[in-house]
C-alpha atoms as a PDB file:
ATOM      1  CA  UNK A   1     -61.871  84.954  -9.420  1.00  0.00           C
ATOM      2  CA  UNK A   2     -61.595  82.686 -12.369  1.00  0.00           C
ATOM      3  CA  UNK A   3     -58.202  81.801 -13.834  1.00  0.00           C
ATOM      4  CA  UNK A   4     -58.132  81.613 -17.605  1.00  0.00           C
ATOM      5  CA  UNK A   5     -55.654  79.337 -19.350  1.00  0.00           C
ATOM      6  CA  UNK A   6     -52.797  81.003 -21.152  1.00  0.00           C
ATOM      7  CA  UNK A   7     -52.650  80.681 -24.916  1.00  0.00           C
ATOM      8  CA  UNK A   8     -49.056  79.439 -24.808  1.00  0.00           C
ATOM      9  CA  UNK A   9     -49.986  76.446 -22.639  1.00  0.00           C
ATOM     10  CA  UNK A  10     -52.750  75.203 -24.910  1.00  0.00           C
ATOM     11  CA  UNK A  11     -51.931  72.115 -26.856  1.00  0.00           C
ATOM     12  CA  UNK A  12     -52.442  71.759 -30.581  1.00  0.00           C
ATOM     13  CA  UNK A  13     -55.161  69.368 -31.670  1.00  0.00           C
ATOM     14  CA  UNK A  14     -54.553  67.460 -34.922  1.00  0.00           C
ATOM     15  CA  UNK A  15     -58.179  68.001 -35.999  1.00  0.00           C
ATOM     16  CA  UNK A  16     -57.960  71.777 -35.545  1.00  0.00           C
ATOM     17  CA  UNK A  17     -58.595  73.902 -38.653  1.00  0.00           C
ATOM     18  CA  UNK A  18     -55.818  76.276 -37.575  1.00  0.00           C
ATOM     19  CA  UNK A  19     -52.148  75.860 -38.335  1.00  0.00           C
ATOM     20  CA  UNK A  20     -49.946  74.432 -35.563  1.00  0.00           C
ATOM     21  CA  UNK A  21     -47.836  76.966 -33.678  1.00  0.00           C
ATOM     22  CA  UNK A  22     -44.392  77.487 -35.244  1.00  0.00           C
ATOM     23  CA  UNK A  23     -41.486  75.728 -33.596  1.00  0.00           C
ATOM     24  CA  UNK A  24     -38.957  77.976 -31.923  1.00  0.00           C
ATOM     25  CA  UNK A  25     -35.593  78.068 -33.725  1.00  0.00           C
ATOM     26  CA  UNK A  26     -32.677  76.358 -31.983  1.00  0.00           C
ATOM     27  CA  UNK A  27     -30.348  78.654 -30.033  1.00  0.00           C
ATOM     28  CA  UNK A  28     -27.392  79.965 -31.994  1.00  0.00           C
ATOM     29  CA  UNK A  29     -24.156  78.020 -31.491  1.00  0.00           C
ATOM     30  CA  UNK A  30     -21.007  79.946 -30.592  1.00  0.00           C
ATOM     31  CA  UNK A  31     -17.380  78.836 -30.699  1.00  0.00           C
ATOM     32  CA  UNK A  32     -14.231  80.216 -29.091  1.00  0.00           C
ATOM     33  CA  UNK A  33     -12.977  83.484 -30.595  1.00  0.00           C
ATOM     34  CA  UNK A  34     -16.283  84.200 -32.402  1.00  0.00           C
ATOM     35  CA  UNK A  35     -16.850  87.909 -32.885  1.00  0.00           C
ATOM     36  CA  UNK A  36     -20.264  88.990 -31.554  1.00  0.00           C
ATOM     37  CA  UNK A  37     -22.274  92.133 -31.041  1.00  0.00           C
ATOM     38  CA  UNK A  38     -24.635  92.742 -28.142  1.00  0.00           C
ATOM     39  CA  UNK A  39     -27.384  95.380 -28.041  1.00  0.00           C
ATOM     40  CA  UNK A  40     -26.273  96.657 -24.632  1.00  0.00           C
ATOM     41  CA  UNK A  41     -22.550  95.871 -24.372  1.00  0.00           C
ATOM     42  CA  UNK A  42     -21.434  96.332 -27.991  1.00  0.00           C
ATOM     43  CA  UNK A  43     -18.689  94.435 -29.786  1.00  0.00           C
ATOM     44  CA  UNK A  44     -17.030  91.463 -28.098  1.00  0.00           C
ATOM     45  CA  UNK A  45     -15.261  88.140 -28.514  1.00  0.00           C
ATOM     46  CA  UNK A  46     -16.319  84.756 -27.078  1.00  0.00           C
ATOM     47  CA  UNK A  47     -13.713  83.512 -24.596  1.00  0.00           C
ATOM     48  CA  UNK A  48     -15.559  80.574 -22.993  1.00  0.00           C
ATOM     49  CA  UNK A  49     -18.365  78.304 -24.181  1.00  0.00           C
ATOM     50  CA  UNK A  50     -20.515  76.447 -21.648  1.00  0.00           C
ATOM     51  CA  UNK A  51     -23.509  74.176 -22.180  1.00  0.00           C
ATOM     52  CA  UNK A  52     -26.107  76.889 -21.472  1.00  0.00           C
ATOM     53  CA  UNK A  53     -24.083  80.116 -21.651  1.00  0.00           C
ATOM     54  CA  UNK A  54     -21.082  81.875 -23.162  1.00  0.00           C
ATOM     55  CA  UNK A  55     -18.589  84.269 -21.604  1.00  0.00           C
ATOM     56  CA  UNK A  56     -17.837  87.255 -23.811  1.00  0.00           C
ATOM     57  CA  UNK A  57     -14.999  89.774 -23.459  1.00  0.00           C
ATOM     58  CA  UNK A  58     -16.374  93.242 -24.269  1.00  0.00           C
ATOM     59  CA  UNK A  59     -12.960  94.944 -23.640  1.00  0.00           C
ATOM     60  CA  UNK A  60     -14.376  96.968 -20.715  1.00  0.00           C
ATOM     61  CA  UNK A  61     -15.899  93.944 -18.962  1.00  0.00           C
ATOM     62  CA  UNK A  62     -16.425  90.209 -19.254  1.00  0.00           C
ATOM     63  CA  UNK A  63     -20.050  89.076 -19.239  1.00  0.00           C
ATOM     64  CA  UNK A  64     -21.665  85.657 -18.977  1.00  0.00           C
ATOM     65  CA  UNK A  65     -24.632  85.552 -21.379  1.00  0.00           C
ATOM     66  CA  UNK A  66     -27.125  82.696 -20.980  1.00  0.00           C
ATOM     67  CA  UNK A  67     -29.391  81.137 -23.601  1.00  0.00           C
ATOM     68  CA  UNK A  68     -31.468  82.255 -25.368  1.00  0.00           C
ATOM     69  CA  UNK A  69     -29.106  84.814 -26.848  1.00  0.00           C
ATOM     70  CA  UNK A  70     -31.848  87.317 -27.666  1.00  0.00           C
ATOM     71  CA  UNK A  71     -29.776  90.502 -27.786  1.00  0.00           C
ATOM     72  CA  UNK A  72     -26.570  88.969 -29.167  1.00  0.00           C
ATOM     73  CA  UNK A  73     -25.703  88.115 -32.755  1.00  0.00           C
ATOM     74  CA  UNK A  74     -22.683  86.518 -34.349  1.00  0.00           C
ATOM     75  CA  UNK A  75     -20.685  88.603 -36.841  1.00  0.00           C
END
């Protein structure tokens, strides 16, 4: 069996005729009492901000959401 390198692990060469891969956007910053919506849990309010996660009160439950906040957006 031969392992092939993954495209995401290849490095960009400055002499390449192709464009460099786009940089990923920085994770969204949340503050206390920010109103958010989550694809699975619905509407909620940020009650705690940590360095790599936020705790959100969704009225029926409190959830700790870690970065990247893919399914959550700030309102």
